Every structure is written in C-alpha cells, then in structure tokens.
Amino acid sequence: MSYMLLIVEPTEQRRSRSEAEGREVYARMQAFAAELQEEGVLLAVESLASHANAARVRTEGGRARVMDGPFAEAKEMVGGFFLLNCANRDQAIAIAARCPAAEWCTVEVRALAPCYQA
C-alpha cells in the first residue's frame, strides 16, 4: 500500500539555519532516502521550495482566482515528501519515526486513496 510522509515544517525554519547547518540537514535527509531505497520501500522523494513563491488557485463561478505567496496565515508549510510502498500503516509510522526531519518538524503519515476510474 502506498503512503506519503509529508514533511510539515515551520515557515521560518529554513532561514533560521546557517548555510552549514542547512547542508548538514539536507545530507541527513539524502542519507535517509538512500536507506529507504536500499530497503525497497521508496517510490519517490522531493524537497519543495519555500512557500514564498507559491501560488494558490481556487475556481469560483468558473473563474480562477490566484493568490500568490507567501501566505500571511501560514505558520507551517509542506517542505517535502517521501512516497513509500509499505505493507501497512504501522510500517509507514515506524519509517516516519526514523526520519531525521521528525527531530525539527512534523512528519505526517497519509495513506494514498484509491483512484476511481469511470
């Protein structure tokens, strides 16, 4: 079954680190991804850029409304994700507990919902 680990971090966290600290954190996350790949559970992994240049799109009455970031109400942002193939929820949670990011932010474990086809 597919599970996504969403890395949910405070919006100002990345700017609070020195360049050396940022590189060390990133190296730890890359090593973790390599471990998951060796274990055969990693399907995909990506780091997301800051929400400062993000856009939110909502369609109302057939018209798209675009809101550019940063978003004043946001206290957290999704900083990245790991897409995993796990036997069950317990395995996904155990992997999330090993994730280095769990030391400085929240790792949310979500099962992927089945896609419906017509």
PDB file of N, CA and C in Angstrom:
ATOM      1  N   MET A   1       0.844  -1.174   0.000  1.00  0.00           N
ATOM      2  CA  MET A   1       0.000   0.000   0.000  1.00  0.00           C
ATOM      3  C   MET A   1       0.892   1.240   0.000  1.00  0.00           C
ATOM      4  N   SER A   2       0.452   2.270  -0.696  1.00  0.00           N
ATOM      5  CA  SER A   2       1.252   3.489  -0.785  1.00  0.00           C
ATOM      6  C   SER A   2       0.927   4.454   0.352  1.00  0.00           C
ATOM      7  N   TYR A   3       1.972   5.003   0.925  1.00  0.00           N
ATOM      8  CA  TYR A   3       1.862   6.006   1.984  1.00  0.00           C
ATOM      9  C   TYR A   3       2.760   7.176   1.638  1.00  0.00           C
ATOM     10  N   MET A   4       2.314   8.367   2.034  1.00  0.00           N
ATOM     11  CA  MET A   4       3.124   9.553   1.841  1.00  0.00           C
ATOM     12  C   MET A   4       3.506  10.097   3.205  1.00  0.00           C
ATOM     13  N   LEU A   5       4.785  10.388   3.362  1.00  0.00           N
ATOM     14  CA  LEU A   5       5.253  11.096   4.542  1.00  0.00           C
ATOM     15  C   LEU A   5       5.399  12.555   4.126  1.00  0.00           C
ATOM     16  N   LEU A   6       4.579  13.416   4.693  1.00  0.00           N
ATOM     17  CA  LEU A   6       4.633  14.842   4.403  1.00  0.00           C
ATOM     18  C   LEU A   6       5.489  15.517   5.472  1.00  0.00           C
ATOM     19  N   ILE A   7       6.487  16.242   5.046  1.00  0.00           N
ATOM     20  CA  ILE A   7       7.373  16.954   5.966  1.00  0.00           C
ATOM     21  C   ILE A   7       6.769  18.341   6.178  1.00  0.00           C
ATOM     22  N   VAL A   8       6.156  18.559   7.336  1.00  0.00           N
ATOM     23  CA  VAL A   8       5.457  19.806   7.644  1.00  0.00           C
ATOM     24  C   VAL A   8       6.325  20.597   8.610  1.00  0.00           C
ATOM     25  N   GLU A   9       6.819  21.728   8.125  1.00  0.00           N
ATOM     26  CA  GLU A   9       7.796  22.482   8.913  1.00  0.00           C
ATOM     27  C   GLU A   9       7.341  23.926   9.127  1.00  0.00           C
ATOM     28  N   PRO A  10       7.820  24.547  10.192  1.00  0.00           N
ATOM     29  CA  PRO A  10       7.532  25.969  10.397  1.00  0.00           C
ATOM     30  C   PRO A  10       8.063  26.782   9.224  1.00  0.00           C
ATOM     31  N   THR A  11       7.325  27.805   8.800  1.00  0.00           N
ATOM     32  CA  THR A  11       7.681  28.560   7.607  1.00  0.00           C
ATOM     33  C   THR A  11       9.029  29.261   7.710  1.00  0.00           C
ATOM     34  N   GLU A  12       9.459  29.657   8.885  1.00  0.00           N
ATOM     35  CA  GLU A  12      10.707  30.411   9.045  1.00  0.00           C
ATOM     36  C   GLU A  12      11.905  29.531   9.376  1.00  0.00           C
ATOM     37  N   GLN A  13      11.679  28.239   9.491  1.00  0.00           N
ATOM     38  CA  GLN A  13      12.728  27.331   9.961  1.00  0.00           C
ATOM     39  C   GLN A  13      13.980  27.330   9.089  1.00  0.00           C
ATOM     40  N   ARG A  14      13.809  27.277   7.795  1.00  0.00           N
ATOM     41  CA  ARG A  14      14.975  27.178   6.905  1.00  0.00           C
ATOM     42  C   ARG A  14      15.859  28.410   7.004  1.00  0.00           C
ATOM     43  N   ARG A  15      15.241  29.584   7.134  1.00  0.00           N
ATOM     44  CA  ARG A  15      16.029  30.821   7.230  1.00  0.00           C
ATOM     45  C   ARG A  15      16.748  30.943   8.565  1.00  0.00           C
ATOM     46  N   SER A  16      16.329  30.179   9.559  1.00  0.00           N
ATOM     47  CA  SER A  16      16.962  30.273  10.878  1.00  0.00           C
ATOM     48  C   SER A  16      18.278  29.493  10.950  1.00  0.00           C
ATOM     49  N   ARG A  17      18.548  28.666   9.936  1.00  0.00           N
ATOM     50  CA  ARG A  17      19.769  27.864   9.915  1.00  0.00           C
ATOM     51  C   ARG A  17      20.877  28.581   9.155  1.00  0.00           C
ATOM     52  N   SER A  18      22.102  28.304   9.577  1.00  0.00           N
ATOM     53  CA  SER A  18      23.244  28.767   8.787  1.00  0.00           C
ATOM     54  C   SER A  18      23.330  27.889   7.539  1.00  0.00           C
ATOM     55  N   GLU A  19      24.135  28.310   6.571  1.00  0.00           N
ATOM     56  CA  GLU A  19      24.297  27.503   5.362  1.00  0.00           C
ATOM     57  C   GLU A  19      24.861  26.129   5.703  1.00  0.00           C
ATOM     58  N   ALA A  20      25.822  26.084   6.608  1.00  0.00           N
ATOM     59  CA  ALA A  20      26.420  24.804   7.008  1.00  0.00           C
ATOM     60  C   ALA A  20      25.384  23.901   7.680  1.00  0.00           C
ATOM     61  N   GLU A  21      24.554  24.480   8.532  1.00  0.00           N
ATOM     62  CA  GLU A  21      23.510  23.687   9.194  1.00  0.00           C
ATOM     63  C   GLU A  21      22.503  23.167   8.163  1.00  0.00           C
ATOM     64  N   GLY A  22      22.146  23.997   7.200  1.00  0.00           N
ATOM     65  CA  GLY A  22      21.224  23.573   6.151  1.00  0.00           C
ATOM     66  C   GLY A  22      21.786  22.435   5.323  1.00  0.00           C
ATOM     67  N   ARG A  23      23.067  22.525   4.996  1.00  0.00           N
ATOM     68  CA  ARG A  23      23.709  21.451   4.218  1.00  0.00           C
ATOM     69  C   ARG A  23      23.760  20.148   5.021  1.00  0.00           C
ATOM     70  N   GLU A  24      24.008  20.247   6.311  1.00  0.00           N
ATOM     71  CA  GLU A  24      24.073  19.052   7.172  1.00  0.00           C
ATOM     72  C   GLU A  24      22.698  18.388   7.254  1.00  0.00           C
ATOM     73  N   VAL A  25      21.657  19.172   7.433  1.00  0.00           N
ATOM     74  CA  VAL A  25      20.294  18.654   7.493  1.00  0.00           C
ATOM     75  C   VAL A  25      19.932  17.975   6.176  1.00  0.00           C
ATOM     76  N   TYR A  26      20.246  18.628   5.057  1.00  0.00           N
ATOM     77  CA  TYR A  26      19.936  18.073   3.744  1.00  0.00           C
ATOM     78  C   TYR A  26      20.687  16.760   3.512  1.00  0.00           C
ATOM     79  N   ALA A  27      21.931  16.700   3.931  1.00  0.00           N
ATOM     80  CA  ALA A  27      22.719  15.464   3.786  1.00  0.00           C
ATOM     81  C   ALA A  27      22.093  14.327   4.590  1.00  0.00           C
ATOM     82  N   ARG A  28      21.593  14.633   5.781  1.00  0.00           N
ATOM     83  CA  ARG A  28      20.935  13.600   6.595  1.00  0.00           C
ATOM     84  C   ARG A  28      19.677  13.089   5.905  1.00  0.00           C
ATOM     85  N   MET A  29      18.930  14.001   5.298  1.00  0.00           N
ATOM     86  CA  MET A  29      17.712  13.586   4.608  1.00  0.00           C
ATOM     87  C   MET A  29      18.037  12.752   3.364  1.00  0.00           C
ATOM     88  N   GLN A  30      19.108  13.115   2.656  1.00  0.00           N
ATOM     89  CA  GLN A  30      19.522  12.323   1.489  1.00  0.00           C
ATOM     90  C   GLN A  30      19.963  10.924   1.918  1.00  0.00           C
ATOM     91  N   ALA A  31      20.668  10.827   3.016  1.00  0.00           N
ATOM     92  CA  ALA A  31      21.099   9.515   3.521  1.00  0.00           C
ATOM     93  C   ALA A  31      19.887   8.670   3.912  1.00  0.00           C
ATOM     94  N   PHE A  32      18.892   9.297   4.533  1.00  0.00           N
ATOM     95  CA  PHE A  32      17.667   8.591   4.900  1.00  0.00           C
ATOM     96  C   PHE A  32      16.963   8.069   3.648  1.00  0.00           C
ATOM     97  N   ALA A  33      16.878   8.886   2.610  1.00  0.00           N
ATOM     98  CA  ALA A  33      16.262   8.459   1.348  1.00  0.00           C
ATOM     99  C   ALA A  33      17.023   7.278   0.749  1.00  0.00           C
ATOM    100  N   ALA A  34      18.338   7.314   0.821  1.00  0.00           N
ATOM    101  CA  ALA A  34      19.147   6.207   0.301  1.00  0.00           C
ATOM    102  C   ALA A  34      18.862   4.923   1.072  1.00  0.00           C
ATOM    103  N   GLU A  35      18.706   5.013   2.386  1.00  0.00           N
ATOM    104  CA  GLU A  35      18.360   3.839   3.212  1.00  0.00           C
ATOM    105  C   GLU A  35      17.024   3.251   2.760  1.00  0.00           C
ATOM    106  N   LEU A  36      16.044   4.118   2.563  1.00  0.00           N
ATOM    107  CA  LEU A  36      14.717   3.652   2.143  1.00  0.00           C
ATOM    108  C   LEU A  36      14.767   3.006   0.766  1.00  0.00           C
ATOM    109  N   GLN A  37      15.601   3.551  -0.106  1.00  0.00           N
ATOM    110  CA  GLN A  37      15.751   2.964  -1.435  1.00  0.00           C
ATOM    111  C   GLN A  37      16.373   1.574  -1.326  1.00  0.00           C
ATOM    112  N   GLU A  38      17.398   1.425  -0.481  1.00  0.00           N
ATOM    113  CA  GLU A  38      18.028   0.117  -0.272  1.00  0.00           C
ATOM    114  C   GLU A  38      17.039  -0.893   0.301  1.00  0.00           C
ATOM    115  N   GLU A  39      16.119  -0.414   1.155  1.00  0.00           N
ATOM    116  CA  GLU A  39      15.106  -1.291   1.752  1.00  0.00           C
ATOM    117  C   GLU A  39      13.995  -1.648   0.764  1.00  0.00           C
ATOM    118  N   GLY A  40      13.961  -0.973  -0.375  1.00  0.00           N
ATOM    119  CA  GLY A  40      12.966  -1.265  -1.398  1.00  0.00           C
ATOM    120  C   GLY A  40      11.590  -0.668  -1.150  1.00  0.00           C
ATOM    121  N   VAL A  41      11.483   0.334  -0.283  1.00  0.00           N
ATOM    122  CA  VAL A  41      10.174   0.926   0.007  1.00  0.00           C
ATOM    123  C   VAL A  41       9.989   2.318  -0.591  1.00  0.00           C
ATOM    124  N   LEU A  42      11.055   2.942  -1.061  1.00  0.00           N
ATOM    125  CA  LEU A  42      10.969   4.308  -1.579  1.00  0.00           C
ATOM    126  C   LEU A  42      10.478   4.323  -3.023  1.00  0.00           C
ATOM    127  N   LEU A  43       9.380   5.047  -3.268  1.00  0.00           N
ATOM    128  CA  LEU A  43       8.854   5.217  -4.619  1.00  0.00           C
ATOM    129  C   LEU A  43       9.264   6.563  -5.198  1.00  0.00           C
ATOM    130  N   ALA A  44       9.280   7.601  -4.357  1.00  0.00           N
ATOM    131  CA  ALA A  44       9.665   8.943  -4.796  1.00  0.00           C
ATOM    132  C   ALA A  44       9.974   9.796  -3.580  1.00  0.00           C
ATOM    133  N   VAL A  45      10.821  10.806  -3.784  1.00  0.00           N
ATOM    134  CA  VAL A  45      11.134  11.759  -2.724  1.00  0.00           C
ATOM    135  C   VAL A  45      11.461  13.094  -3.377  1.00  0.00           C
ATOM    136  N   GLU A  46      10.964  14.168  -2.806  1.00  0.00           N
ATOM    137  CA  GLU A  46      11.255  15.506  -3.309  1.00  0.00           C
ATOM    138  C   GLU A  46      11.253  16.493  -2.158  1.00  0.00           C
ATOM    139  N   SER A  47      12.093  17.499  -2.291  1.00  0.00           N
ATOM    140  CA  SER A  47      12.084  18.642  -1.386  1.00  0.00           C
ATOM    141  C   SER A  47      11.382  19.773  -2.126  1.00  0.00           C
ATOM    142  N   LEU A  48      10.550  20.521  -1.428  1.00  0.00           N
ATOM    143  CA  LEU A  48       9.822  21.617  -2.058  1.00  0.00           C
ATOM    144  C   LEU A  48      10.483  22.948  -1.707  1.00  0.00           C
ATOM    145  N   ALA A  49      10.451  23.874  -2.652  1.00  0.00           N
ATOM    146  CA  ALA A  49      10.966  25.211  -2.418  1.00  0.00           C
ATOM    147  C   ALA A  49      10.062  25.927  -1.416  1.00  0.00           C
ATOM    148  N   SER A  50      10.536  27.025  -0.906  1.00  0.00           N
ATOM    149  CA  SER A  50       9.780  27.822   0.050  1.00  0.00           C
ATOM    150  C   SER A  50       8.415  28.211  -0.496  1.00  0.00           C
ATOM    151  N   HIS A  51       7.494  28.417   0.404  1.00  0.00           N
ATOM    152  CA  HIS A  51       6.153  28.850   0.022  1.00  0.00           C
ATOM    153  C   HIS A  51       6.131  30.317  -0.420  1.00  0.00           C
ATOM    154  N   ALA A  52       7.241  31.022  -0.296  1.00  0.00           N
ATOM    155  CA  ALA A  52       7.300  32.443  -0.642  1.00  0.00           C
ATOM    156  C   ALA A  52       6.927  32.699  -2.104  1.00  0.00           C
ATOM    157  N   ASN A  53       7.233  31.769  -2.985  1.00  0.00           N
ATOM    158  CA  ASN A  53       6.915  31.933  -4.404  1.00  0.00           C
ATOM    159  C   ASN A  53       5.800  31.001  -4.867  1.00  0.00           C
ATOM    160  N   ALA A  54       5.074  30.441  -3.925  1.00  0.00           N
ATOM    161  CA  ALA A  54       3.978  29.529  -4.261  1.00  0.00           C
ATOM    162  C   ALA A  54       2.757  30.317  -4.711  1.00  0.00           C
ATOM    163  N   ALA A  55       1.815  29.623  -5.289  1.00  0.00           N
ATOM    164  CA  ALA A  55       0.535  30.214  -5.674  1.00  0.00           C
ATOM    165  C   ALA A  55      -0.568  29.256  -5.268  1.00  0.00           C
ATOM    166  N   ARG A  56      -1.681  29.814  -4.863  1.00  0.00           N
ATOM    167  CA  ARG A  56      -2.876  29.026  -4.565  1.00  0.00           C
ATOM    168  C   ARG A  56      -3.930  29.390  -5.603  1.00  0.00           C
ATOM    169  N   VAL A  57      -4.570  28.383  -6.155  1.00  0.00           N
ATOM    170  CA  VAL A  57      -5.576  28.604  -7.188  1.00  0.00           C
ATOM    171  C   VAL A  57      -6.901  28.035  -6.702  1.00  0.00           C
ATOM    172  N   ARG A  58      -7.930  28.837  -6.834  1.00  0.00           N
ATOM    173  CA  ARG A  58      -9.275  28.396  -6.479  1.00  0.00           C
ATOM    174  C   ARG A  58     -10.208  28.873  -7.575  1.00  0.00           C
ATOM    175  N   THR A  59     -11.078  27.993  -8.033  1.00  0.00           N
ATOM    176  CA  THR A  59     -12.024  28.352  -9.071  1.00  0.00           C
ATOM    177  C   THR A  59     -13.393  28.552  -8.448  1.00  0.00           C
ATOM    178  N   GLU A  60     -13.941  29.732  -8.679  1.00  0.00           N
ATOM    179  CA  GLU A  60     -15.277  30.054  -8.172  1.00  0.00           C
ATOM    180  C   GLU A  60     -16.085  30.642  -9.316  1.00  0.00           C
ATOM    181  N   GLY A  61     -17.260  30.091  -9.557  1.00  0.00           N
ATOM    182  CA  GLY A  61     -18.107  30.593 -10.635  1.00  0.00           C
ATOM    183  C   GLY A  61     -17.456  30.520 -11.995  1.00  0.00           C
ATOM    184  N   GLY A  62     -16.604  29.525 -12.210  1.00  0.00           N
ATOM    185  CA  GLY A  62     -15.944  29.340 -13.491  1.00  0.00           C
ATOM    186  C   GLY A  62     -14.729  30.229 -13.702  1.00  0.00           C
ATOM    187  N   ARG A  63     -14.366  31.032 -12.705  1.00  0.00           N
ATOM    188  CA  ARG A  63     -13.211  31.929 -12.830  1.00  0.00           C
ATOM    189  C   ARG A  63     -12.145  31.530 -11.825  1.00  0.00           C
ATOM    190  N   ALA A  64     -10.928  31.461 -12.303  1.00  0.00           N
ATOM    191  CA  ALA A  64      -9.804  31.103 -11.436  1.00  0.00           C
ATOM    192  C   ALA A  64      -9.349  32.330 -10.657  1.00  0.00           C
ATOM    193  N   ARG A  65      -9.148  32.148  -9.389  1.00  0.00           N
ATOM    194  CA  ARG A  65      -8.595  33.198  -8.530  1.00  0.00           C
ATOM    195  C   ARG A  65      -7.233  32.705  -8.055  1.00  0.00           C
ATOM    196  N   VAL A  66      -6.206  33.490  -8.302  1.00  0.00           N
ATOM    197  CA  VAL A  66      -4.841  33.107  -7.938  1.00  0.00           C
ATOM    198  C   VAL A  66      -4.376  33.996  -6.804  1.00  0.00           C
ATOM    199  N   MET A  67      -3.850  33.358  -5.757  1.00  0.00           N
ATOM    200  CA  MET A  67      -3.288  34.086  -4.628  1.00  0.00           C
ATOM    201  C   MET A  67      -1.809  33.718  -4.559  1.00  0.00           C
ATOM    202  N   ASP A  68      -0.947  34.706  -4.669  1.00  0.00           N
ATOM    203  CA  ASP A  68       0.492  34.469  -4.610  1.00  0.00           C
ATOM    204  C   ASP A  68       0.972  34.445  -3.173  1.00  0.00           C
ATOM    205  N   GLY A  69       2.007  33.612  -2.911  1.00  0.00           N
ATOM    206  CA  GLY A  69       2.614  33.543  -1.595  1.00  0.00           C
ATOM    207  C   GLY A  69       3.582  34.684  -1.394  1.00  0.00           C
ATOM    208  N   PRO A  70       4.147  34.838  -0.229  1.00  0.00           N
ATOM    209  CA  PRO A  70       3.869  33.986   0.935  1.00  0.00           C
ATOM    210  C   PRO A  70       2.485  34.274   1.501  1.00  0.00           C
ATOM    211  N   PHE A  71       1.977  33.313   2.212  1.00  0.00           N
ATOM    212  CA  PHE A  71       0.631  33.386   2.741  1.00  0.00           C
ATOM    213  C   PHE A  71       0.695  33.773   4.214  1.00  0.00           C
ATOM    214  N   ALA A  72       0.163  34.942   4.531  1.00  0.00           N
ATOM    215  CA  ALA A  72       0.280  35.508   5.879  1.00  0.00           C
ATOM    216  C   ALA A  72      -0.267  34.569   6.949  1.00  0.00           C
ATOM    217  N   GLU A  73      -1.326  33.836   6.615  1.00  0.00           N
ATOM    218  CA  GLU A  73      -1.937  32.967   7.618  1.00  0.00           C
ATOM    219  C   GLU A  73      -1.161  31.672   7.836  1.00  0.00           C
ATOM    220  N   ALA A  74      -0.206  31.384   6.981  1.00  0.00           N
ATOM    221  CA  ALA A  74       0.535  30.123   7.073  1.00  0.00           C
ATOM    222  C   ALA A  74       1.568  30.175   8.192  1.00  0.00           C
ATOM    223  N   LYS A  75       1.502  29.209   9.071  1.00  0.00           N
ATOM    224  CA  LYS A  75       2.504  29.059  10.117  1.00  0.00           C
ATOM    225  C   LYS A  75       3.391  27.858   9.830  1.00  0.00           C
ATOM    226  N   GLU A  76       2.903  26.993   8.943  1.00  0.00           N
ATOM    227  CA  GLU A  76       3.650  25.813   8.532  1.00  0.00           C
ATOM    228  C   GLU A  76       3.553  25.679   7.020  1.00  0.00           C
ATOM    229  N   MET A  77       4.490  24.920   6.463  1.00  0.00           N
ATOM    230  CA  MET A  77       4.447  24.631   5.033  1.00  0.00           C
ATOM    231  C   MET A  77       4.897  23.187   4.825  1.00  0.00           C
ATOM    232  N   VAL A  78       4.463  22.606   3.722  1.00  0.00           N
ATOM    233  CA  VAL A  78       4.947  21.283   3.349  1.00  0.00           C
ATOM    234  C   VAL A  78       6.301  21.497   2.703  1.00  0.00           C
ATOM    235  N   GLY A  79       7.338  20.974   3.331  1.00  0.00           N
ATOM    236  CA  GLY A  79       8.695  21.175   2.850  1.00  0.00           C
ATOM    237  C   GLY A  79       9.183  20.086   1.917  1.00  0.00           C
ATOM    238  N   GLY A  80       8.450  18.985   1.866  1.00  0.00           N
ATOM    239  CA  GLY A  80       8.840  17.882   1.010  1.00  0.00           C
ATOM    240  C   GLY A  80       8.018  16.651   1.316  1.00  0.00           C
ATOM    241  N   PHE A  81       8.334  15.570   0.622  1.00  0.00           N
ATOM    242  CA  PHE A  81       7.593  14.331   0.852  1.00  0.00           C
ATOM    243  C   PHE A  81       8.428  13.120   0.481  1.00  0.00           C
ATOM    244  N   PHE A  82       8.046  12.009   1.061  1.00  0.00           N
ATOM    245  CA  PHE A  82       8.543  10.683   0.701  1.00  0.00           C
ATOM    246  C   PHE A  82       7.315   9.866   0.328  1.00  0.00           C
ATOM    247  N   LEU A  83       7.325   9.249  -0.828  1.00  0.00           N
ATOM    248  CA  LEU A  83       6.256   8.346  -1.236  1.00  0.00           C
ATOM    249  C   LEU A  83       6.784   6.929  -1.066  1.00  0.00           C
ATOM    250  N   LEU A  84       6.079   6.153  -0.253  1.00  0.00           N
ATOM    251  CA  LEU A  84       6.563   4.822   0.130  1.00  0.00           C
ATOM    252  C   LEU A  84       5.586   3.728  -0.261  1.00  0.00           C
ATOM    253  N   ASN A  85       6.110   2.523  -0.447  1.00  0.00           N
ATOM    254  CA  ASN A  85       5.300   1.332  -0.613  1.00  0.00           C
ATOM    255  C   ASN A  85       5.510   0.493   0.642  1.00  0.00           C
ATOM    256  N   CYS A  86       4.529   0.515   1.536  1.00  0.00           N
ATOM    257  CA  CYS A  86       4.643  -0.179   2.829  1.00  0.00           C
ATOM    258  C   CYS A  86       3.616  -1.295   2.929  1.00  0.00           C
ATOM    259  N   ALA A  87       3.920  -2.252   3.765  1.00  0.00           N
ATOM    260  CA  ALA A  87       2.998  -3.361   3.978  1.00  0.00           C
ATOM    261  C   ALA A  87       1.731  -2.890   4.694  1.00  0.00           C
ATOM    262  N   ASN A  88       1.896  -1.902   5.585  1.00  0.00           N
ATOM    263  CA  ASN A  88       0.755  -1.423   6.369  1.00  0.00           C
ATOM    264  C   ASN A  88       1.087  -0.083   7.028  1.00  0.00           C
ATOM    265  N   ARG A  89       0.105   0.473   7.710  1.00  0.00           N
ATOM    266  CA  ARG A  89       0.247   1.770   8.377  1.00  0.00           C
ATOM    267  C   ARG A  89       1.339   1.733   9.439  1.00  0.00           C
ATOM    268  N   ASP A  90       1.417   0.639  10.177  1.00  0.00           N
ATOM    269  CA  ASP A  90       2.433   0.532  11.231  1.00  0.00           C
ATOM    270  C   ASP A  90       3.848   0.648  10.664  1.00  0.00           C
ATOM    271  N   GLN A  91       4.084   0.036   9.512  1.00  0.00           N
ATOM    272  CA  GLN A  91       5.402   0.138   8.894  1.00  0.00           C
ATOM    273  C   GLN A  91       5.677   1.582   8.480  1.00  0.00           C
ATOM    274  N   ALA A  92       4.681   2.254   7.907  1.00  0.00           N
ATOM    275  CA  ALA A  92       4.851   3.652   7.497  1.00  0.00           C
ATOM    276  C   ALA A  92       5.150   4.542   8.697  1.00  0.00           C
ATOM    277  N   ILE A  93       4.474   4.313   9.808  1.00  0.00           N
ATOM    278  CA  ILE A  93       4.711   5.098  11.023  1.00  0.00           C
ATOM    279  C   ILE A  93       6.107   4.828  11.571  1.00  0.00           C
ATOM    280  N   ALA A  94       6.536   3.576  11.532  1.00  0.00           N
ATOM    281  CA  ALA A  94       7.886   3.239  12.012  1.00  0.00           C
ATOM    282  C   ALA A  94       8.946   3.933  11.160  1.00  0.00           C
ATOM    283  N   ILE A  95       8.720   4.007   9.867  1.00  0.00           N
ATOM    284  CA  ILE A  95       9.661   4.702   8.980  1.00  0.00           C
ATOM    285  C   ILE A  95       9.652   6.200   9.291  1.00  0.00           C
ATOM    286  N   ALA A  96       8.467   6.773   9.495  1.00  0.00           N
ATOM    287  CA  ALA A  96       8.362   8.200   9.831  1.00  0.00           C
ATOM    288  C   ALA A  96       9.129   8.510  11.119  1.00  0.00           C
ATOM    289  N   ALA A  97       9.099   7.614  12.072  1.00  0.00           N
ATOM    290  CA  ALA A  97       9.805   7.825  13.339  1.00  0.00           C
ATOM    291  C   ALA A  97      11.321   7.840  13.139  1.00  0.00           C
ATOM    292  N   ARG A  98      11.808   7.183  12.091  1.00  0.00           N
ATOM    293  CA  ARG A  98      13.244   7.169  11.776  1.00  0.00           C
ATOM    294  C   ARG A  98      13.685   8.389  10.977  1.00  0.00           C
ATOM    295  N   CYS A  99      12.731   9.109  10.417  1.00  0.00           N
ATOM    296  CA  CYS A  99      13.047  10.238   9.546  1.00  0.00           C
ATOM    297  C   CYS A  99      13.752  11.341  10.339  1.00  0.00           C
ATOM    298  N   PRO A 100      14.911  11.804   9.881  1.00  0.00           N
ATOM    299  CA  PRO A 100      15.616  12.869  10.596  1.00  0.00           C
ATOM    300  C   PRO A 100      14.763  14.122  10.787  1.00  0.00           C
ATOM    301  N   ALA A 101      13.874  14.432   9.841  1.00  0.00           N
ATOM    302  CA  ALA A 101      13.045  15.637   9.942  1.00  0.00           C
ATOM    303  C   ALA A 101      12.130  15.611  11.155  1.00  0.00           C
ATOM    304  N   ALA A 102      11.825  14.427  11.670  1.00  0.00           N
ATOM    305  CA  ALA A 102      10.969  14.332  12.852  1.00  0.00           C
ATOM    306  C   ALA A 102      11.605  15.000  14.067  1.00  0.00           C
ATOM    307  N   GLU A 103      12.904  15.294  13.995  1.00  0.00           N
ATOM    308  CA  GLU A 103      13.593  15.976  15.092  1.00  0.00           C
ATOM    309  C   GLU A 103      13.305  17.473  15.105  1.00  0.00           C
ATOM    310  N   TRP A 104      12.965  18.078  13.968  1.00  0.00           N
ATOM    311  CA  TRP A 104      12.760  19.528  13.910  1.00  0.00           C
ATOM    312  C   TRP A 104      11.407  19.949  13.348  1.00  0.00           C
ATOM    313  N   CYS A 105      10.598  18.995  12.899  1.00  0.00           N
ATOM    314  CA  CYS A 105       9.270  19.341  12.398  1.00  0.00           C
ATOM    315  C   CYS A 105       8.353  18.130  12.535  1.00  0.00           C
ATOM    316  N   THR A 106       7.202  18.188  11.916  1.00  0.00           N
ATOM    317  CA  THR A 106       6.231  17.095  11.977  1.00  0.00           C
ATOM    318  C   THR A 106       6.296  16.280  10.696  1.00  0.00           C
ATOM    319  N   VAL A 107       6.264  14.974  10.843  1.00  0.00           N
ATOM    320  CA  VAL A 107       6.182  14.086   9.687  1.00  0.00           C
ATOM    321  C   VAL A 107       4.786  13.467   9.726  1.00  0.00           C
ATOM    322  N   GLU A 108       3.961  13.883   8.773  1.00  0.00           N
ATOM    323  CA  GLU A 108       2.580  13.402   8.710  1.00  0.00           C
ATOM    324  C   GLU A 108       2.523  12.175   7.812  1.00  0.00           C
ATOM    325  N   VAL A 109       1.887  11.114   8.304  1.00  0.00           N
ATOM    326  CA  VAL A 109       1.765   9.854   7.566  1.00  0.00           C
ATOM    327  C   VAL A 109       0.362   9.780   6.977  1.00  0.00           C
ATOM    328  N   ARG A 110       0.263   9.683   5.648  1.00  0.00           N
ATOM    329  CA  ARG A 110      -1.017   9.627   4.968  1.00  0.00           C
ATOM    330  C   ARG A 110      -1.041   8.484   3.970  1.00  0.00           C
ATOM    331  N   ALA A 111      -2.090   7.681   4.030  1.00  0.00           N
ATOM    332  CA  ALA A 111      -2.301   6.645   3.016  1.00  0.00           C
ATOM    333  C   ALA A 111      -2.822   7.320   1.753  1.00  0.00           C
ATOM    334  N   LEU A 112      -2.440   6.804   0.600  1.00  0.00           N
ATOM    335  CA  LEU A 112      -2.989   7.309  -0.651  1.00  0.00           C
ATOM    336  C   LEU A 112      -4.347   6.648  -0.873  1.00  0.00           C
ATOM    337  N   ALA A 113      -5.319   7.447  -1.249  1.00  0.00           N
ATOM    338  CA  ALA A 113      -6.659   6.941  -1.519  1.00  0.00           C
ATOM    339  C   ALA A 113      -6.678   6.299  -2.900  1.00  0.00           C
ATOM    340  N   PRO A 114      -7.481   5.282  -3.078  1.00  0.00           N
ATOM    341  CA  PRO A 114      -7.559   4.666  -4.409  1.00  0.00           C
ATOM    342  C   PRO A 114      -8.163   5.643  -5.414  1.00  0.00           C
ATOM    343  N   CYS A 115      -7.666   5.563  -6.638  1.00  0.00           N
ATOM    344  CA  CYS A 115      -8.202   6.399  -7.713  1.00  0.00           C
ATOM    345  C   CYS A 115      -9.420   5.706  -8.306  1.00  0.00           C
ATOM    346  N   TYR A 116     -10.422   6.487  -8.597  1.00  0.00           N
ATOM    347  CA  TYR A 116     -11.621   5.939  -9.195  1.00  0.00           C
ATOM    348  C   TYR A 116     -11.588   6.167 -10.693  1.00  0.00           C
ATOM    349  N   GLN A 117     -11.918   5.120 -11.426  1.00  0.00           N
ATOM    350  CA  GLN A 117     -11.917   5.208 -12.874  1.00  0.00           C
ATOM    351  C   GLN A 117     -13.315   4.938 -13.396  1.00  0.00           C
ATOM    352  N   ALA A 118     -13.719   5.686 -14.401  1.00  0.00           N
ATOM    353  CA  ALA A 118     -15.053   5.521 -14.989  1.00  0.00           C
ATOM    354  C   ALA A 118     -15.044   4.422 -16.017  1.00  0.00           C
TER     355      ALA A 118
END
